[in-house]
Amino acid sequence: MATGPIEVEAKTVEEAIEKALEILQVSRGDVDIQVLAEPKMGLFGMPGGKYAKIRVTVKQKDA
C-alpha cells in the first residue's frame, strides 16, 4: 500500500478520487483530499480543456 501524498488527474474530481483510492488501496474515509484544480472544458465544450487535479494523503492511524 502506498502512503501518499499522491497527486492524480482525471476528467472529473470524482474520477480522480476513485483513481487515488484504487492506487492507495484505502477507503474514502481513510484519506484527506485536497482539490488542486477543477476541470475546465475547452472552447465551446470541445476537448482540450484541463483535467481535475487532486492531492490525496492517507490519514495517520492512532496506534
Foldseek 3Di string as FASTA:
>chain_A
DDFDFDKFWDQAPVVRVVVVCVVVVHDPVQKDKDWPDGWDADVPNHPDTGTTMMTIGGDDDDD
